[in-house]
Amino acid sequence: MAERENKQKLLSYLKEFEQLGVAESVEADQFFREMDEDPEAFWKDWLSPLVAEGLNLDRACEVVLDGVLRPN
């Protein structure tokens, strides 16, 4: 139940970022497209490990987005 709730929060959080114009680069566009196409895989591959290490969902999203928008 909590995992489903986290996925729903993730989707709304990322959609909010997308609507704010964060997705301005090619990498960010691809990132959001992949997230939309398979949110369960996105959760499993990107966010679940960070949450398991103790980050809250908001911080995990920030870390992932920061890595996409500023990879170096």
PDB file of N, CA and C in Angstrom:
ATOM      1  N   MET A   1       0.828  -1.195   0.000  1.00  0.00           N
ATOM      2  CA  MET A   1       0.000   0.000   0.000  1.00  0.00           C
ATOM      3  C   MET A   1       0.872   1.258   0.000  1.00  0.00           C
ATOM      4  N   ALA A   2       1.896   1.290   0.838  1.00  0.00           N
ATOM      5  CA  ALA A   2       2.758   2.465   0.917  1.00  0.00           C
ATOM      6  C   ALA A   2       3.520   2.676  -0.382  1.00  0.00           C
ATOM      7  N   GLU A   3       3.920   1.584  -1.050  1.00  0.00           N
ATOM      8  CA  GLU A   3       4.652   1.711  -2.305  1.00  0.00           C
ATOM      9  C   GLU A   3       3.776   2.349  -3.379  1.00  0.00           C
ATOM     10  N   ARG A   4       2.519   1.964  -3.436  1.00  0.00           N
ATOM     11  CA  ARG A   4       1.594   2.558  -4.406  1.00  0.00           C
ATOM     12  C   ARG A   4       1.399   4.044  -4.116  1.00  0.00           C
ATOM     13  N   GLU A   5       1.279   4.377  -2.853  1.00  0.00           N
ATOM     14  CA  GLU A   5       1.128   5.773  -2.450  1.00  0.00           C
ATOM     15  C   GLU A   5       2.366   6.573  -2.844  1.00  0.00           C
ATOM     16  N   ASN A   6       3.544   5.985  -2.637  1.00  0.00           N
ATOM     17  CA  ASN A   6       4.789   6.649  -3.032  1.00  0.00           C
ATOM     18  C   ASN A   6       4.841   6.868  -4.530  1.00  0.00           C
ATOM     19  N   LYS A   7       4.405   5.901  -5.308  1.00  0.00           N
ATOM     20  CA  LYS A   7       4.407   6.042  -6.763  1.00  0.00           C
ATOM     21  C   LYS A   7       3.485   7.172  -7.200  1.00  0.00           C
ATOM     22  N   GLN A   8       2.328   7.272  -6.560  1.00  0.00           N
ATOM     23  CA  GLN A   8       1.393   8.343  -6.905  1.00  0.00           C
ATOM     24  C   GLN A   8       1.981   9.703  -6.552  1.00  0.00           C
ATOM     25  N   LYS A   9       2.642   9.799  -5.406  1.00  0.00           N
ATOM     26  CA  LYS A   9       3.299  11.045  -5.023  1.00  0.00           C
ATOM     27  C   LYS A   9       4.403  11.386  -6.006  1.00  0.00           C
ATOM     28  N   LEU A  10       5.153  10.381  -6.404  1.00  0.00           N
ATOM     29  CA  LEU A  10       6.228  10.578  -7.368  1.00  0.00           C
ATOM     30  C   LEU A  10       5.692  11.158  -8.662  1.00  0.00           C
ATOM     31  N   LEU A  11       4.645  10.572  -9.193  1.00  0.00           N
ATOM     32  CA  LEU A  11       4.086  11.040 -10.455  1.00  0.00           C
ATOM     33  C   LEU A  11       3.625  12.485 -10.357  1.00  0.00           C
ATOM     34  N   SER A  12       2.938  12.825  -9.283  1.00  0.00           N
ATOM     35  CA  SER A  12       2.464  14.201  -9.149  1.00  0.00           C
ATOM     36  C   SER A  12       3.637  15.163  -8.960  1.00  0.00           C
ATOM     37  N   TYR A  13       4.658  14.744  -8.228  1.00  0.00           N
ATOM     38  CA  TYR A  13       5.837  15.575  -7.997  1.00  0.00           C
ATOM     39  C   TYR A  13       6.574  15.850  -9.305  1.00  0.00           C
ATOM     40  N   LEU A  14       6.772  14.814 -10.103  1.00  0.00           N
ATOM     41  CA  LEU A  14       7.494  14.985 -11.351  1.00  0.00           C
ATOM     42  C   LEU A  14       6.677  15.766 -12.382  1.00  0.00           C
ATOM     43  N   LYS A  15       5.375  15.556 -12.397  1.00  0.00           N
ATOM     44  CA  LYS A  15       4.514  16.332 -13.300  1.00  0.00           C
ATOM     45  C   LYS A  15       4.583  17.816 -12.937  1.00  0.00           C
ATOM     46  N   GLU A  16       4.642  18.095 -11.647  1.00  0.00           N
ATOM     47  CA  GLU A  16       4.743  19.474 -11.181  1.00  0.00           C
ATOM     48  C   GLU A  16       6.038  20.110 -11.690  1.00  0.00           C
ATOM     49  N   PHE A  17       7.155  19.374 -11.584  1.00  0.00           N
ATOM     50  CA  PHE A  17       8.420  19.875 -12.101  1.00  0.00           C
ATOM     51  C   PHE A  17       8.336  20.127 -13.598  1.00  0.00           C
ATOM     52  N   GLU A  18       7.712  19.200 -14.310  1.00  0.00           N
ATOM     53  CA  GLU A  18       7.594  19.321 -15.760  1.00  0.00           C
ATOM     54  C   GLU A  18       6.776  20.561 -16.121  1.00  0.00           C
ATOM     55  N   GLN A  19       5.707  20.809 -15.398  1.00  0.00           N
ATOM     56  CA  GLN A  19       4.842  21.958 -15.673  1.00  0.00           C
ATOM     57  C   GLN A  19       5.543  23.273 -15.356  1.00  0.00           C
ATOM     58  N   LEU A  20       6.482  23.264 -14.438  1.00  0.00           N
ATOM     59  CA  LEU A  20       7.200  24.478 -14.082  1.00  0.00           C
ATOM     60  C   LEU A  20       8.286  24.832 -15.094  1.00  0.00           C
ATOM     61  N   GLY A  21       8.426  23.999 -16.116  1.00  0.00           N
ATOM     62  CA  GLY A  21       9.400  24.304 -17.159  1.00  0.00           C
ATOM     63  C   GLY A  21      10.782  23.761 -16.887  1.00  0.00           C
ATOM     64  N   VAL A  22      10.897  22.816 -15.981  1.00  0.00           N
ATOM     65  CA  VAL A  22      12.202  22.243 -15.676  1.00  0.00           C
ATOM     66  C   VAL A  22      12.722  21.452 -16.866  1.00  0.00           C
ATOM     67  N   ALA A  23      11.823  20.818 -17.600  1.00  0.00           N
ATOM     68  CA  ALA A  23      12.228  19.948 -18.710  1.00  0.00           C
ATOM     69  C   ALA A  23      12.548  20.778 -19.942  1.00  0.00           C
ATOM     70  N   GLU A  24      13.702  21.444 -19.930  1.00  0.00           N
ATOM     71  CA  GLU A  24      14.079  22.278 -21.055  1.00  0.00           C
ATOM     72  C   GLU A  24      15.199  21.658 -21.880  1.00  0.00           C
ATOM     73  N   SER A  25      15.858  20.660 -21.375  1.00  0.00           N
ATOM     74  CA  SER A  25      16.952  20.045 -22.109  1.00  0.00           C
ATOM     75  C   SER A  25      16.502  18.732 -22.733  1.00  0.00           C
ATOM     76  N   VAL A  26      17.279  18.268 -23.683  1.00  0.00           N
ATOM     77  CA  VAL A  26      16.980  17.001 -24.337  1.00  0.00           C
ATOM     78  C   VAL A  26      17.011  15.876 -23.313  1.00  0.00           C
ATOM     79  N   GLU A  27      17.993  15.898 -22.420  1.00  0.00           N
ATOM     80  CA  GLU A  27      18.111  14.864 -21.407  1.00  0.00           C
ATOM     81  C   GLU A  27      16.894  14.853 -20.485  1.00  0.00           C
ATOM     82  N   ALA A  28      16.446  16.021 -20.095  1.00  0.00           N
ATOM     83  CA  ALA A  28      15.280  16.105 -19.219  1.00  0.00           C
ATOM     84  C   ALA A  28      14.028  15.633 -19.940  1.00  0.00           C
ATOM     85  N   ASP A  29      13.897  15.980 -21.215  1.00  0.00           N
ATOM     86  CA  ASP A  29      12.743  15.505 -21.991  1.00  0.00           C
ATOM     87  C   ASP A  29      12.715  13.984 -22.054  1.00  0.00           C
ATOM     88  N   GLN A  30      13.870  13.389 -22.311  1.00  0.00           N
ATOM     89  CA  GLN A  30      13.965  11.933 -22.363  1.00  0.00           C
ATOM     90  C   GLN A  30      13.659  11.324 -20.996  1.00  0.00           C
ATOM     91  N   PHE A  31      14.174  11.946 -19.961  1.00  0.00           N
ATOM     92  CA  PHE A  31      13.939  11.492 -18.590  1.00  0.00           C
ATOM     93  C   PHE A  31      12.447  11.447 -18.279  1.00  0.00           C
ATOM     94  N   PHE A  32      11.737  12.522 -18.589  1.00  0.00           N
ATOM     95  CA  PHE A  32      10.305  12.573 -18.307  1.00  0.00           C
ATOM     96  C   PHE A  32       9.525  11.591 -19.182  1.00  0.00           C
ATOM     97  N   ARG A  33       9.960  11.412 -20.420  1.00  0.00           N
ATOM     98  CA  ARG A  33       9.297  10.459 -21.299  1.00  0.00           C
ATOM     99  C   ARG A  33       9.438   9.041 -20.749  1.00  0.00           C
ATOM    100  N   GLU A  34      10.649   8.690 -20.318  1.00  0.00           N
ATOM    101  CA  GLU A  34      10.864   7.357 -19.744  1.00  0.00           C
ATOM    102  C   GLU A  34      10.054   7.170 -18.466  1.00  0.00           C
ATOM    103  N   MET A  35       9.982   8.200 -17.661  1.00  0.00           N
ATOM    104  CA  MET A  35       9.211   8.131 -16.419  1.00  0.00           C
ATOM    105  C   MET A  35       7.735   7.914 -16.720  1.00  0.00           C
ATOM    106  N   ASP A  36       7.220   8.600 -17.731  1.00  0.00           N
ATOM    107  CA  ASP A  36       5.812   8.461 -18.101  1.00  0.00           C
ATOM    108  C   ASP A  36       5.502   7.093 -18.691  1.00  0.00           C
ATOM    109  N   GLU A  37       6.442   6.559 -19.467  1.00  0.00           N
ATOM    110  CA  GLU A  37       6.204   5.284 -20.143  1.00  0.00           C
ATOM    111  C   GLU A  37       6.174   4.096 -19.185  1.00  0.00           C
ATOM    112  N   ASP A  38       7.000   4.120 -18.156  1.00  0.00           N
ATOM    113  CA  ASP A  38       7.047   2.990 -17.223  1.00  0.00           C
ATOM    114  C   ASP A  38       7.348   3.472 -15.814  1.00  0.00           C
ATOM    115  N   PRO A  39       6.349   4.064 -15.130  1.00  0.00           N
ATOM    116  CA  PRO A  39       6.590   4.614 -13.801  1.00  0.00           C
ATOM    117  C   PRO A  39       7.036   3.569 -12.776  1.00  0.00           C
ATOM    118  N   GLU A  40       6.592   2.333 -12.928  1.00  0.00           N
ATOM    119  CA  GLU A  40       7.012   1.308 -11.973  1.00  0.00           C
ATOM    120  C   GLU A  40       8.497   1.005 -12.098  1.00  0.00           C
ATOM    121  N   ALA A  41       8.991   0.917 -13.322  1.00  0.00           N
ATOM    122  CA  ALA A  41      10.422   0.691 -13.523  1.00  0.00           C
ATOM    123  C   ALA A  41      11.222   1.900 -13.042  1.00  0.00           C
ATOM    124  N   PHE A  42      10.690   3.089 -13.293  1.00  0.00           N
ATOM    125  CA  PHE A  42      11.357   4.305 -12.829  1.00  0.00           C
ATOM    126  C   PHE A  42      11.479   4.292 -11.307  1.00  0.00           C
ATOM    127  N   TRP A  43      10.402   3.942 -10.648  1.00  0.00           N
ATOM    128  CA  TRP A  43      10.417   3.867  -9.191  1.00  0.00           C
ATOM    129  C   TRP A  43      11.453   2.840  -8.730  1.00  0.00           C
ATOM    130  N   LYS A  44      11.406   1.654  -9.326  1.00  0.00           N
ATOM    131  CA  LYS A  44      12.285   0.566  -8.915  1.00  0.00           C
ATOM    132  C   LYS A  44      13.753   0.903  -9.183  1.00  0.00           C
ATOM    133  N   ASP A  45      14.051   1.433 -10.363  1.00  0.00           N
ATOM    134  CA  ASP A  45      15.436   1.650 -10.765  1.00  0.00           C
ATOM    135  C   ASP A  45      16.057   2.924 -10.203  1.00  0.00           C
ATOM    136  N   TRP A  46      15.271   3.978 -10.064  1.00  0.00           N
ATOM    137  CA  TRP A  46      15.829   5.275  -9.695  1.00  0.00           C
ATOM    138  C   TRP A  46      15.534   5.681  -8.259  1.00  0.00           C
ATOM    139  N   LEU A  47      14.299   5.580  -7.835  1.00  0.00           N
ATOM    140  CA  LEU A  47      13.930   6.160  -6.549  1.00  0.00           C
ATOM    141  C   LEU A  47      13.952   5.178  -5.383  1.00  0.00           C
ATOM    142  N   SER A  48      13.516   3.975  -5.616  1.00  0.00           N
ATOM    143  CA  SER A  48      13.451   2.996  -4.537  1.00  0.00           C
ATOM    144  C   SER A  48      14.793   2.826  -3.812  1.00  0.00           C
ATOM    145  N   PRO A  49      15.926   2.739  -4.550  1.00  0.00           N
ATOM    146  CA  PRO A  49      17.207   2.603  -3.843  1.00  0.00           C
ATOM    147  C   PRO A  49      17.529   3.807  -2.955  1.00  0.00           C
ATOM    148  N   LEU A  50      17.179   4.998  -3.406  1.00  0.00           N
ATOM    149  CA  LEU A  50      17.447   6.193  -2.599  1.00  0.00           C
ATOM    150  C   LEU A  50      16.562   6.241  -1.367  1.00  0.00           C
ATOM    151  N   VAL A  51      15.296   5.879  -1.538  1.00  0.00           N
ATOM    152  CA  VAL A  51      14.373   5.845  -0.402  1.00  0.00           C
ATOM    153  C   VAL A  51      14.810   4.768   0.591  1.00  0.00           C
ATOM    154  N   ALA A  52      15.282   3.636   0.069  1.00  0.00           N
ATOM    155  CA  ALA A  52      15.753   2.555   0.939  1.00  0.00           C
ATOM    156  C   ALA A  52      16.968   2.986   1.760  1.00  0.00           C
ATOM    157  N   GLU A  53      17.745   3.933   1.234  1.00  0.00           N
ATOM    158  CA  GLU A  53      18.910   4.440   1.954  1.00  0.00           C
ATOM    159  C   GLU A  53      18.547   5.545   2.953  1.00  0.00           C
ATOM    160  N   GLY A  54      17.273   5.898   3.009  1.00  0.00           N
ATOM    161  CA  GLY A  54      16.837   6.843   4.028  1.00  0.00           C
ATOM    162  C   GLY A  54      16.391   8.208   3.530  1.00  0.00           C
ATOM    163  N   LEU A  55      16.492   8.468   2.227  1.00  0.00           N
ATOM    164  CA  LEU A  55      16.014   9.749   1.713  1.00  0.00           C
ATOM    165  C   LEU A  55      14.495   9.713   1.645  1.00  0.00           C
ATOM    166  N   ASN A  56      13.879  10.855   1.893  1.00  0.00           N
ATOM    167  CA  ASN A  56      12.434  10.898   1.691  1.00  0.00           C
ATOM    168  C   ASN A  56      12.167  11.058   0.197  1.00  0.00           C
ATOM    169  N   LEU A  57      10.948  10.888  -0.204  1.00  0.00           N
ATOM    170  CA  LEU A  57      10.607  10.893  -1.624  1.00  0.00           C
ATOM    171  C   LEU A  57      10.960  12.219  -2.290  1.00  0.00           C
ATOM    172  N   ASP A  58      10.693  13.327  -1.633  1.00  0.00           N
ATOM    173  CA  ASP A  58      11.006  14.628  -2.215  1.00  0.00           C
ATOM    174  C   ASP A  58      12.501  14.767  -2.479  1.00  0.00           C
ATOM    175  N   ARG A  59      13.309  14.393  -1.501  1.00  0.00           N
ATOM    176  CA  ARG A  59      14.766  14.507  -1.646  1.00  0.00           C
ATOM    177  C   ARG A  59      15.285  13.548  -2.720  1.00  0.00           C
ATOM    178  N   ALA A  60      14.740  12.339  -2.773  1.00  0.00           N
ATOM    179  CA  ALA A  60      15.146  11.376  -3.796  1.00  0.00           C
ATOM    180  C   ALA A  60      14.855  11.932  -5.186  1.00  0.00           C
ATOM    181  N   CYS A  61      13.693  12.543  -5.371  1.00  0.00           N
ATOM    182  CA  CYS A  61      13.354  13.151  -6.662  1.00  0.00           C
ATOM    183  C   CYS A  61      14.317  14.280  -6.991  1.00  0.00           C
ATOM    184  N   GLU A  62      14.652  15.089  -6.002  1.00  0.00           N
ATOM    185  CA  GLU A  62      15.587  16.185  -6.224  1.00  0.00           C
ATOM    186  C   GLU A  62      16.949  15.662  -6.661  1.00  0.00           C
ATOM    187  N   VAL A  63      17.414  14.604  -6.022  1.00  0.00           N
ATOM    188  CA  VAL A  63      18.725  14.027  -6.358  1.00  0.00           C
ATOM    189  C   VAL A  63      18.712  13.507  -7.793  1.00  0.00           C
ATOM    190  N   VAL A  64      17.676  12.797  -8.156  1.00  0.00           N
ATOM    191  CA  VAL A  64      17.582  12.243  -9.514  1.00  0.00           C
ATOM    192  C   VAL A  64      17.481  13.375 -10.532  1.00  0.00           C
ATOM    193  N   LEU A  65      16.625  14.330 -10.292  1.00  0.00           N
ATOM    194  CA  LEU A  65      16.478  15.448 -11.246  1.00  0.00           C
ATOM    195  C   LEU A  65      17.754  16.261 -11.361  1.00  0.00           C
ATOM    196  N   ASP A  66      18.421  16.473 -10.250  1.00  0.00           N
ATOM    197  CA  ASP A  66      19.683  17.206 -10.282  1.00  0.00           C
ATOM    198  C   ASP A  66      20.705  16.467 -11.134  1.00  0.00           C
ATOM    199  N   GLY A  67      20.734  15.143 -11.022  1.00  0.00           N
ATOM    200  CA  GLY A  67      21.640  14.345 -11.834  1.00  0.00           C
ATOM    201  C   GLY A  67      21.307  14.412 -13.315  1.00  0.00           C
ATOM    202  N   VAL A  68      20.036  14.545 -13.642  1.00  0.00           N
ATOM    203  CA  VAL A  68      19.618  14.625 -15.041  1.00  0.00           C
ATOM    204  C   VAL A  68      19.909  16.018 -15.599  1.00  0.00           C
ATOM    205  N   LEU A  69      19.591  17.038 -14.837  1.00  0.00           N
ATOM    206  CA  LEU A  69      19.733  18.404 -15.332  1.00  0.00           C
ATOM    207  C   LEU A  69      21.161  18.912 -15.259  1.00  0.00           C
ATOM    208  N   ARG A  70      21.920  18.409 -14.278  1.00  0.00           N
ATOM    209  CA  ARG A  70      23.326  18.815 -14.127  1.00  0.00           C
ATOM    210  C   ARG A  70      24.180  17.572 -13.912  1.00  0.00           C
ATOM    211  N   PRO A  71      24.445  16.815 -14.965  1.00  0.00           N
ATOM    212  CA  PRO A  71      25.097  15.515 -14.810  1.00  0.00           C
ATOM    213  C   PRO A  71      26.546  15.570 -14.317  1.00  0.00           C
ATOM    214  N   ASN A  72      27.212  16.669 -14.445  1.00  0.00           N
ATOM    215  CA  ASN A  72      28.617  16.712 -14.008  1.00  0.00           C
ATOM    216  C   ASN A  72      28.740  17.422 -12.728  1.00  0.00           C
TER     217      ASN A  72
END
